[in-house]
Amino acid sequence: MNSPVSRRRFLAGLAAALGGAGTRPALELSAAPQRADTERPVNTYDTLAKLASNENPHGPSEAVKKAMSEAAKYANRYMYPDGGIVEAIAEYHGVGSENVILGAGSGEILKVADDTFLPERRKIVGPSPTYESVYLYATNSNAEAFEVPLVQARGYAVDIRKMITVTLQNYRDVGLVYICNPNNPTGKIIPRNDVRLLVDSIPDEIPIVIDEAYHHYVDNPQYEESIRYVKEGRNVIVTRTFSKMAALAGMRLGYGIAPKELIDRMIPFALYSINAPVKYGGVAALKDKAFENRVRELNKRIRDKVTKELVELGWEVLPSDASFFMVNVRRDVDSLVEDFHQKGILVGRKFPPMNEWLRVSVGTEVEMSRFMRVFKELLGTGKKI
């Protein structure tokens, strides 16, 4: 059972601030948080094109909705049958149930990993910019972040070799290494050879967290999922979520796959704040490969169409393997985000130091048509005269 202290630490971590570039306490903010959607009136929210949070705009599959609906009968119970979600995840990946830990989204698994492996003053090494919550959570234990800048000359690629160098130079103080693959906010993959180099180069006693929230969308031959390292017995924690492809962002379900020794260390920090219906929905989602394939193909077709049009207009776009992309708007993103909002479109916030790069989630065809119409209205052509 989790102690009140663990719960207080979790809530404190949510209010903590983010570590900035280079080596400095993860306590400093690099960007103001985006206004929560829950602050918007429902009737207004429902009319917006929601392209800010990398959600699946198509919603969960019929099989998932049916499973969740049927599980609603357990809403009044604590000790309900959970649909075998842990066993289903283990079978899906070819691992044992002892290799699985559940969380309310993969973000909670990242929080648990930080709490477990970053005791007082330990360091975390990762790229920047990336999914920043892992640095936010690190402040809970007064940790510091070694944030390694993306390589602009290589299309903002993650600098794996620099991450290895930084880790080895500080290995006595490093408690965790983190990568997101594909990386958020850029949408770029970390090629399989680079991931293998990282795993082979980091000292065995330092766990590596590989966040694969967007792996379902990738069809790049240079990409490889990282569950294999867990099966090899490496000190790797792979995090996954049902928030993206399965379209259950509002229901909250994610998990981690890791060697039993790491799972056993993480379990005391887990909250298990997961509702009954989503567990059944998760089991159904793992089985629904037809839905996954359809959404992957739809996402790629819409993403490629929009990014091609932006390039033809003269704007620079980062090639993406995820459900979002970045376009260089050649002005500070902050004011532009509000301009889009005034036109009924939510887009991503600023990701320093990529201050002129706008992250756009791939919506439905209708939503992306609205986006392109407003983009042209606000920014016009990017071609130099």
Protein backbone atom coordinates (compact mmCIF):
# COMPACT_ATOMS: atom_id res chain seq x y z
CA MET A 1 0.00 0.00 0.00
CA ASN A 2 1.27 3.49 -0.81
CA SER A 3 2.02 5.81 2.08
CA PRO A 4 0.61 9.35 2.44
CA VAL A 5 4.17 10.57 1.95
CA SER A 6 4.29 9.02 -1.52
CA ARG A 7 1.04 10.73 -2.43
CA ARG A 8 2.26 14.10 -1.14
CA ARG A 9 5.49 13.68 -3.09
CA PHE A 10 3.52 12.95 -6.26
CA LEU A 11 1.38 16.07 -5.87
CA ALA A 12 4.42 18.16 -5.08
CA GLY A 13 6.10 16.92 -8.22
CA LEU A 14 3.16 18.04 -10.34
CA ALA A 15 3.64 21.59 -9.07
CA ALA A 16 7.41 21.60 -9.49
CA ALA A 17 9.24 23.37 -12.31
CA LEU A 18 11.39 22.26 -15.19
CA GLY A 19 15.17 22.05 -15.49
CA GLY A 20 16.65 24.23 -18.21
CA ALA A 21 19.30 23.68 -20.83
CA GLY A 22 22.75 22.46 -19.89
CA THR A 23 23.44 21.54 -16.28
CA ARG A 24 21.34 23.39 -13.76
CA PRO A 25 18.74 22.51 -11.14
CA ALA A 26 15.62 21.05 -12.68
CA LEU A 27 13.80 23.54 -10.48
CA GLU A 28 13.93 26.35 -13.04
CA LEU A 29 11.14 26.91 -15.54
CA SER A 30 11.93 26.91 -19.24
CA ALA A 31 8.40 27.71 -20.35
CA ALA A 32 5.08 28.68 -18.84
CA PRO A 33 2.55 25.84 -18.77
CA GLN A 34 -0.23 25.87 -21.34
CA ARG A 35 -3.69 26.82 -20.10
CA ALA A 36 -5.61 23.72 -19.14
CA ASP A 37 -8.41 22.76 -21.50
CA THR A 38 -10.62 22.14 -18.46
CA GLU A 39 -10.74 25.93 -17.97
CA ARG A 40 -12.64 26.38 -21.24
CA PRO A 41 -16.47 26.29 -21.33
CA VAL A 42 -17.64 22.95 -22.74
CA ASN A 43 -19.59 24.52 -25.60
CA THR A 44 -16.48 26.50 -26.65
CA TYR A 45 -14.10 23.58 -26.28
CA ASP A 46 -16.17 21.31 -28.47
CA THR A 47 -15.95 23.75 -31.38
CA LEU A 48 -12.15 24.05 -31.32
CA ALA A 49 -9.78 22.18 -33.63
CA LYS A 50 -7.63 20.53 -30.98
CA LEU A 51 -4.11 20.28 -32.45
CA ALA A 52 -2.09 21.00 -29.30
CA SER A 53 -1.74 17.82 -27.26
CA ASN A 54 -0.95 14.96 -29.69
CA GLU A 55 -4.27 13.23 -29.04
CA ASN A 56 -5.87 10.73 -31.41
CA PRO A 57 -8.63 12.84 -33.01
CA HIS A 58 -10.51 9.77 -34.26
CA GLY A 59 -11.48 8.51 -30.82
CA PRO A 60 -11.26 4.97 -29.43
CA SER A 61 -12.35 1.97 -31.48
CA GLU A 62 -15.84 0.49 -31.18
CA ALA A 63 -14.37 -2.59 -29.48
CA VAL A 64 -12.71 -0.42 -26.84
CA LYS A 65 -15.84 1.63 -26.20
CA LYS A 66 -17.92 -1.54 -25.88
CA ALA A 67 -15.47 -3.06 -23.39
CA MET A 68 -15.41 0.10 -21.27
CA SER A 69 -19.19 0.41 -21.35
CA GLU A 70 -19.62 -3.15 -20.13
CA ALA A 71 -17.08 -2.58 -17.34
CA ALA A 72 -19.02 0.43 -16.02
CA LYS A 73 -20.97 -2.00 -13.84
CA TYR A 74 -17.90 -2.07 -11.56
CA ALA A 75 -17.95 1.70 -10.98
CA ASN A 76 -19.22 1.25 -7.42
CA ARG A 77 -16.67 -1.41 -6.44
CA TYR A 78 -13.11 -1.38 -5.12
CA MET A 79 -12.14 -5.03 -5.44
CA TYR A 80 -13.44 -5.55 -8.98
CA PRO A 81 -12.04 -8.02 -11.53
CA ASP A 82 -9.68 -5.97 -13.69
CA GLY A 83 -10.06 -7.80 -17.00
CA GLY A 84 -6.55 -9.24 -16.85
CA ILE A 85 -4.87 -6.07 -18.09
CA VAL A 86 -1.40 -6.90 -16.70
CA GLU A 87 -1.50 -10.40 -18.16
CA ALA A 88 -2.69 -9.03 -21.51
CA ILE A 89 0.18 -6.53 -21.66
CA ALA A 90 2.69 -9.21 -20.70
CA GLU A 91 1.40 -11.60 -23.35
CA TYR A 92 1.36 -8.85 -25.98
CA HIS A 93 5.07 -8.18 -25.42
CA GLY A 94 6.20 -11.72 -24.68
CA VAL A 95 7.31 -10.95 -21.13
CA GLY A 96 6.15 -12.04 -17.68
CA SER A 97 3.56 -10.28 -15.54
CA GLU A 98 6.38 -9.48 -13.13
CA ASN A 99 7.88 -7.27 -15.86
CA VAL A 100 4.84 -4.96 -16.01
CA ILE A 101 3.91 -1.90 -13.94
CA LEU A 102 0.70 0.08 -14.53
CA GLY A 103 0.16 3.82 -14.30
CA ALA A 104 -2.44 6.48 -15.05
CA GLY A 105 -0.81 7.19 -18.41
CA SER A 106 2.88 6.67 -19.13
CA GLY A 107 3.53 10.01 -17.45
CA GLU A 108 2.88 8.38 -14.09
CA ILE A 109 5.43 5.68 -14.92
CA LEU A 110 7.99 8.41 -15.64
CA LYS A 111 7.12 9.98 -12.28
CA VAL A 112 7.56 6.63 -10.54
CA ALA A 113 10.94 6.10 -12.26
CA ASP A 114 12.12 9.53 -11.14
CA ASP A 115 11.02 8.91 -7.56
CA THR A 116 12.70 5.51 -7.54
CA PHE A 117 16.04 6.21 -9.18
CA LEU A 118 16.66 9.88 -8.39
CA PRO A 119 17.15 10.08 -4.65
CA GLU A 120 18.51 13.30 -3.16
CA ARG A 121 20.73 15.20 -5.61
CA ARG A 122 21.00 12.44 -8.21
CA LYS A 123 21.16 13.54 -11.84
CA ILE A 124 19.11 12.67 -14.90
CA VAL A 125 20.61 12.85 -18.40
CA GLY A 126 18.41 13.43 -21.45
CA PRO A 127 17.93 15.49 -24.61
CA SER A 128 16.48 18.98 -24.87
CA PRO A 129 13.87 19.75 -25.93
CA THR A 130 11.99 16.54 -25.22
CA TYR A 131 8.96 15.44 -23.21
CA GLU A 132 9.72 17.74 -20.32
CA SER A 133 7.61 16.11 -17.60
CA VAL A 134 10.47 13.72 -16.85
CA TYR A 135 12.52 16.77 -15.80
CA LEU A 136 9.57 18.33 -14.01
CA TYR A 137 9.12 15.24 -11.88
CA ALA A 138 12.82 15.13 -11.06
CA THR A 139 12.47 18.24 -8.91
CA ASN A 140 10.52 16.15 -6.42
CA SER A 141 13.78 14.75 -5.08
CA ASN A 142 15.84 17.90 -5.70
CA ALA A 143 17.43 16.23 -8.70
CA GLU A 144 19.29 18.07 -11.41
CA ALA A 145 19.07 17.56 -15.14
CA PHE A 146 21.93 17.33 -17.63
CA GLU A 147 19.99 18.40 -20.72
CA VAL A 148 21.87 17.71 -23.94
CA PRO A 149 20.79 20.01 -26.82
CA LEU A 150 19.45 18.49 -30.01
CA VAL A 151 21.81 18.74 -32.99
CA GLN A 152 20.41 21.46 -35.23
CA ALA A 153 22.81 20.62 -38.06
CA ARG A 154 21.30 17.12 -38.19
CA GLY A 155 17.69 18.26 -38.27
CA TYR A 156 17.41 18.51 -34.48
CA ALA A 157 18.46 14.92 -33.89
CA VAL A 158 19.05 13.56 -30.39
CA ASP A 159 22.79 13.64 -29.66
CA ILE A 160 23.27 10.12 -28.32
CA ARG A 161 27.06 10.32 -28.27
CA LYS A 162 27.01 13.52 -26.24
CA MET A 163 24.54 11.95 -23.83
CA ILE A 164 26.88 9.00 -23.36
CA THR A 165 29.84 11.35 -22.76
CA VAL A 166 27.93 13.40 -20.20
CA THR A 167 26.75 10.26 -18.40
CA LEU A 168 30.24 8.73 -18.24
CA GLN A 169 31.77 11.99 -17.04
CA ASN A 170 29.25 12.14 -14.19
CA TYR A 171 28.35 8.48 -13.76
CA ARG A 172 28.77 8.47 -9.97
CA ASP A 173 25.99 11.09 -9.74
CA VAL A 174 23.69 9.95 -12.55
CA GLY A 175 20.62 7.98 -11.47
CA LEU A 176 18.70 7.85 -14.73
CA VAL A 177 19.11 8.33 -18.49
CA TYR A 178 16.06 9.27 -20.57
CA ILE A 179 15.15 9.29 -24.26
CA CYS A 180 11.81 9.66 -26.03
CA ASN A 181 11.59 7.72 -29.29
CA PRO A 182 10.16 9.20 -31.48
CA ASN A 183 11.13 12.40 -29.73
CA ASN A 184 8.49 14.85 -28.61
CA PRO A 185 8.24 17.66 -29.81
CA THR A 186 10.22 17.02 -33.01
CA GLY A 187 8.63 13.74 -34.12
CA LYS A 188 12.04 12.39 -35.15
CA ILE A 189 13.07 8.82 -34.40
CA ILE A 190 16.32 7.80 -32.74
CA PRO A 191 17.72 5.16 -35.12
CA ARG A 192 18.11 1.61 -33.82
CA ASN A 193 21.91 1.76 -34.01
CA ASP A 194 21.98 4.86 -31.80
CA VAL A 195 19.69 3.24 -29.23
CA ARG A 196 21.89 0.14 -29.21
CA LEU A 197 24.98 2.33 -28.76
CA LEU A 198 23.35 4.06 -25.78
CA VAL A 199 22.32 0.82 -24.11
CA ASP A 200 25.75 -0.73 -24.65
CA SER A 201 27.65 2.35 -23.44
CA ILE A 202 25.84 3.34 -20.23
CA PRO A 203 27.13 1.64 -17.04
CA ASP A 204 24.90 -1.31 -16.09
CA GLU A 205 23.89 0.21 -12.75
CA ILE A 206 22.21 3.23 -14.41
CA PRO A 207 18.67 2.52 -15.68
CA ILE A 208 17.70 3.88 -19.09
CA VAL A 209 14.10 4.98 -19.62
CA ILE A 210 12.95 4.72 -23.25
CA ASP A 211 9.64 6.52 -23.72
CA GLU A 212 7.78 5.00 -26.69
CA ALA A 213 4.50 6.90 -26.45
CA TYR A 214 4.35 7.36 -30.24
CA HIS A 215 5.88 4.12 -31.46
CA HIS A 216 2.60 2.94 -33.05
CA TYR A 217 2.82 5.66 -35.68
CA VAL A 218 6.32 4.84 -36.95
CA ASP A 219 6.96 3.05 -40.23
CA ASN A 220 10.59 4.15 -40.61
CA PRO A 221 12.89 1.14 -41.32
CA GLN A 222 15.59 2.71 -39.13
CA TYR A 223 13.33 2.42 -36.09
CA GLU A 224 13.16 -0.46 -33.63
CA GLU A 225 11.06 -0.94 -30.52
CA SER A 226 13.09 -1.39 -27.34
CA ILE A 227 11.28 -4.21 -25.51
CA ARG A 228 14.06 -6.46 -26.80
CA TYR A 229 16.47 -4.90 -24.29
CA VAL A 230 14.21 -5.86 -21.40
CA LYS A 231 14.15 -9.43 -22.70
CA GLU A 232 17.96 -9.32 -22.86
CA GLY A 233 17.99 -8.44 -19.16
CA ARG A 234 19.36 -4.95 -19.69
CA ASN A 235 18.60 -2.17 -17.19
CA VAL A 236 16.01 -0.61 -19.50
CA ILE A 237 12.51 0.64 -18.68
CA VAL A 238 10.24 1.00 -21.71
CA THR A 239 7.17 3.18 -21.16
CA ARG A 240 4.01 2.93 -23.25
CA THR A 241 0.63 4.65 -23.17
CA PHE A 242 -2.94 4.09 -24.30
CA SER A 243 -3.39 7.86 -24.60
CA LYS A 244 -2.20 8.17 -28.19
CA MET A 245 -2.99 5.39 -30.66
CA ALA A 246 -5.74 3.86 -28.50
CA ALA A 247 -7.28 7.35 -28.04
CA LEU A 248 -7.73 7.00 -24.26
CA ALA A 249 -5.98 10.22 -23.16
CA GLY A 250 -8.96 11.22 -21.02
CA MET A 251 -9.20 7.78 -19.40
CA ARG A 252 -5.56 7.53 -18.24
CA LEU A 253 -3.76 4.22 -18.72
CA GLY A 254 -0.09 3.52 -19.36
CA TYR A 255 2.54 1.02 -18.35
CA GLY A 256 6.20 0.24 -18.06
CA ILE A 257 8.08 -2.89 -19.12
CA ALA A 258 11.32 -3.61 -17.27
CA PRO A 259 13.36 -6.36 -15.60
CA LYS A 260 11.72 -7.67 -12.41
CA GLU A 261 14.43 -6.14 -10.23
CA LEU A 262 13.59 -2.65 -11.49
CA ILE A 263 9.83 -3.23 -11.29
CA ASP A 264 10.18 -4.37 -7.67
CA ARG A 265 12.01 -1.14 -6.82
CA MET A 266 9.38 0.99 -8.58
CA ILE A 267 6.22 -0.60 -7.15
CA PRO A 268 6.37 1.16 -3.73
CA PHE A 269 6.13 4.52 -5.52
CA ALA A 270 3.18 3.59 -7.76
CA LEU A 271 -0.25 5.03 -7.03
CA TYR A 272 -2.42 2.58 -9.03
CA SER A 273 -4.92 5.40 -9.59
CA ILE A 274 -6.52 3.68 -12.59
CA ASN A 275 -10.24 3.35 -13.20
CA ALA A 276 -12.05 0.08 -13.89
CA PRO A 277 -13.41 0.76 -17.42
CA VAL A 278 -10.04 1.78 -18.88
CA LYS A 279 -8.45 -1.51 -17.84
CA TYR A 280 -11.00 -3.37 -19.93
CA GLY A 281 -10.59 -0.83 -22.71
CA GLY A 282 -6.84 -1.41 -22.65
CA VAL A 283 -7.26 -5.16 -23.10
CA ALA A 284 -9.54 -4.56 -26.07
CA ALA A 285 -7.14 -2.02 -27.58
CA LEU A 286 -4.23 -4.48 -27.51
CA LYS A 287 -6.29 -6.88 -29.61
CA ASP A 288 -7.59 -4.35 -32.15
CA LYS A 289 -4.79 -4.38 -34.74
CA ALA A 290 -7.17 -3.40 -37.56
CA PHE A 291 -7.98 -0.12 -35.78
CA GLU A 292 -4.28 0.54 -35.12
CA ASN A 293 -3.36 -0.04 -38.76
CA ARG A 294 -6.18 2.17 -40.01
CA VAL A 295 -5.27 5.07 -37.71
CA ARG A 296 -1.57 4.75 -38.56
CA GLU A 297 -2.29 4.95 -42.29
CA LEU A 298 -4.76 7.81 -41.83
CA ASN A 299 -2.32 9.78 -39.66
CA LYS A 300 0.48 9.36 -42.21
CA ARG A 301 -1.69 10.36 -45.15
CA ILE A 302 -3.04 13.51 -43.49
CA ARG A 303 0.33 14.48 -41.96
CA ASP A 304 2.21 14.06 -45.23
CA LYS A 305 -0.43 16.00 -47.18
CA VAL A 306 -0.32 18.99 -44.80
CA THR A 307 3.46 19.09 -44.43
CA LYS A 308 3.88 18.86 -48.21
CA GLU A 309 1.57 21.83 -48.66
CA LEU A 310 3.50 23.82 -46.03
CA VAL A 311 6.80 23.07 -47.76
CA GLU A 312 5.33 24.10 -51.11
CA LEU A 313 4.32 27.40 -49.51
CA GLY A 314 7.96 27.95 -48.57
CA TRP A 315 7.94 26.91 -44.91
CA GLU A 316 10.53 24.61 -43.30
CA VAL A 317 9.02 21.47 -41.76
CA LEU A 318 10.85 18.80 -39.77
CA PRO A 319 10.23 15.29 -41.19
CA SER A 320 8.13 13.45 -38.62
CA ASP A 321 7.46 9.81 -37.78
CA ALA A 322 4.81 10.62 -35.16
CA SER A 323 1.31 12.03 -34.83
CA PHE A 324 2.55 15.62 -34.90
CA PHE A 325 5.10 17.78 -36.73
CA MET A 326 7.00 21.04 -36.33
CA VAL A 327 7.03 23.97 -38.73
CA ASN A 328 9.42 26.94 -38.51
CA VAL A 329 7.14 30.00 -38.45
CA ARG A 330 10.08 32.47 -38.24
CA ARG A 331 8.60 34.32 -35.30
CA ASP A 332 8.17 33.67 -31.60
CA VAL A 333 5.55 30.98 -31.10
CA ASP A 334 3.89 32.42 -27.98
CA SER A 335 1.87 35.16 -29.65
CA LEU A 336 1.04 32.91 -32.60
CA VAL A 337 -0.51 30.30 -30.32
CA GLU A 338 -2.98 32.90 -29.08
CA ASP A 339 -3.65 34.07 -32.64
CA PHE A 340 -4.62 30.53 -33.61
CA HIS A 341 -6.76 30.20 -30.50
CA GLN A 342 -8.69 33.32 -31.46
CA LYS A 343 -9.42 31.59 -34.77
CA GLY A 344 -10.73 28.47 -33.02
CA ILE A 345 -7.60 26.30 -33.25
CA LEU A 346 -5.42 24.97 -30.44
CA VAL A 347 -1.76 24.44 -31.37
CA GLY A 348 1.32 23.49 -29.36
CA ARG A 349 3.14 25.87 -27.07
CA LYS A 350 6.76 26.98 -27.32
CA PHE A 351 9.58 24.45 -26.76
CA PRO A 352 12.74 26.42 -25.92
CA PRO A 353 15.23 26.85 -27.45
CA MET A 354 13.19 26.05 -30.60
CA ASN A 355 11.27 29.25 -30.02
CA GLU A 356 10.18 29.75 -33.64
CA TRP A 357 9.09 26.15 -34.25
CA LEU A 358 5.36 25.48 -33.92
CA ARG A 359 4.32 21.94 -32.98
CA VAL A 360 1.08 20.85 -34.62
CA SER A 361 -0.78 17.66 -33.77
CA VAL A 362 -2.28 15.79 -36.71
CA GLY A 363 -6.05 16.13 -36.52
CA THR A 364 -8.84 14.94 -38.77
CA GLU A 365 -8.94 16.00 -42.40
CA VAL A 366 -11.52 18.64 -41.54
CA GLU A 367 -9.42 19.99 -38.67
CA MET A 368 -6.27 20.13 -40.79
CA SER A 369 -8.13 21.97 -43.54
CA ARG A 370 -9.16 24.54 -40.92
CA PHE A 371 -5.55 24.72 -39.74
CA MET A 372 -4.18 25.34 -43.23
CA ARG A 373 -6.77 28.01 -43.94
CA VAL A 374 -5.90 29.88 -40.73
CA PHE A 375 -2.16 29.31 -41.19
CA LYS A 376 -2.29 30.99 -44.61
CA GLU A 377 -4.38 33.81 -43.18
CA LEU A 378 -1.97 34.47 -40.31
CA LEU A 379 1.38 33.72 -41.97
CA GLY A 380 0.87 33.64 -45.71
CA THR A 381 3.67 32.31 -47.88
CA GLY A 382 7.08 31.48 -46.50
CA LYS A 383 8.84 32.07 -49.80
CA LYS A 384 11.51 34.74 -49.72
CA ILE A 385 10.93 37.58 -52.15
